[in-house]
Amino acid sequence: MAEAHAKGDALRVIKAAGEMSRPMRLPIPNGLLPKDSNHLYITVADGSNHSYKIACTPNGWKEITLGRGWQRFYHEYKLHPSNILLFKHKGRDDFSVRIFQSPGVERTYDTTGDDSGDETPPQAPRKRTTTTETPRRRMGCINVPKSSAAAEVEQTFQSEHPFFIMHITKRLLGIHFLPNVPHFGDDVNDDAIVNLRAGEISVQAVYGRYVGKRRRNCGSISQGWGDFLRKCNITATKLAVFEISRTQPEVELLVQFVDFE
């Protein structure tokens, strides 16, 4: 919702972070942004002074939808659907953001930043996208993304688990299995049970290695993959990030679906 404000006051918008795969819509009048603007900048006052350029499109006269760049921001600040975000308009296309773990409970951080009068500015966890940290994060991705969109997710996604990224194309939406899935490790046998999880949705599937020369490299997920897509309501092309949270006694994959352009 948008807080009521008198002329000269800064516009503030309070929104739940929601699922990363769903569009973030903000009740911001189109006239608030510079004419013909198709992006905005958001900054969390964490001492880094790093701004995120995020594409935006009008949705009527009183709402905008955030697009490319939002998923990166969501990943880097490790947002959860229940987090509450307070957007404050700083002028033109600049916004500051405060992050709350729950209503009334703001994140606390070690360093301080300047948010033009906002008290207790939050700090993002220091595991940020920096040149020195990039090699360590890339080691967590066990496949090689072949598109710029997937590469961007690979660079920004942070996880305690190994993960892989796949395009869920229109063709894959029409078949009952997911091909070319990287292998999970030597301790995972053929016809391994795989628990697919996305939030509260959980579906059991089966992973099988390919035969022949490709046997060591990849296989497919079947017997549950189609049901998983239906329960997650995935009907359009997405990027899917699979975190391998465990491999024994059964494989568990934590799945996030990401929009891309």
Foldseek 3Di string as FASTA:
>chain_A
DWDDDDPPDKIKWKDFPAAQADWDKTQAFPVQAPPPDQWAWEEQFAPPPDIFIWGWDDDPGGMIITDPRSSLVCQQLVGDRQKMWMWIDPGHRYIYIFIAPHVPHGAADDDGGDDPPDPRGHHGPPPGQDPVCQVVQLVLEPDDDDDPFLVSCSRRHDDPFRKYKDKCAQVNLPDAKFFDAFDPDPVAAAQFWEWEDEPPDTWIWTWGADDDPCRNTGTMIGDTRNVSCVVVVPDHIWMKMWGFPDPPPGTYTYIGTHDDD
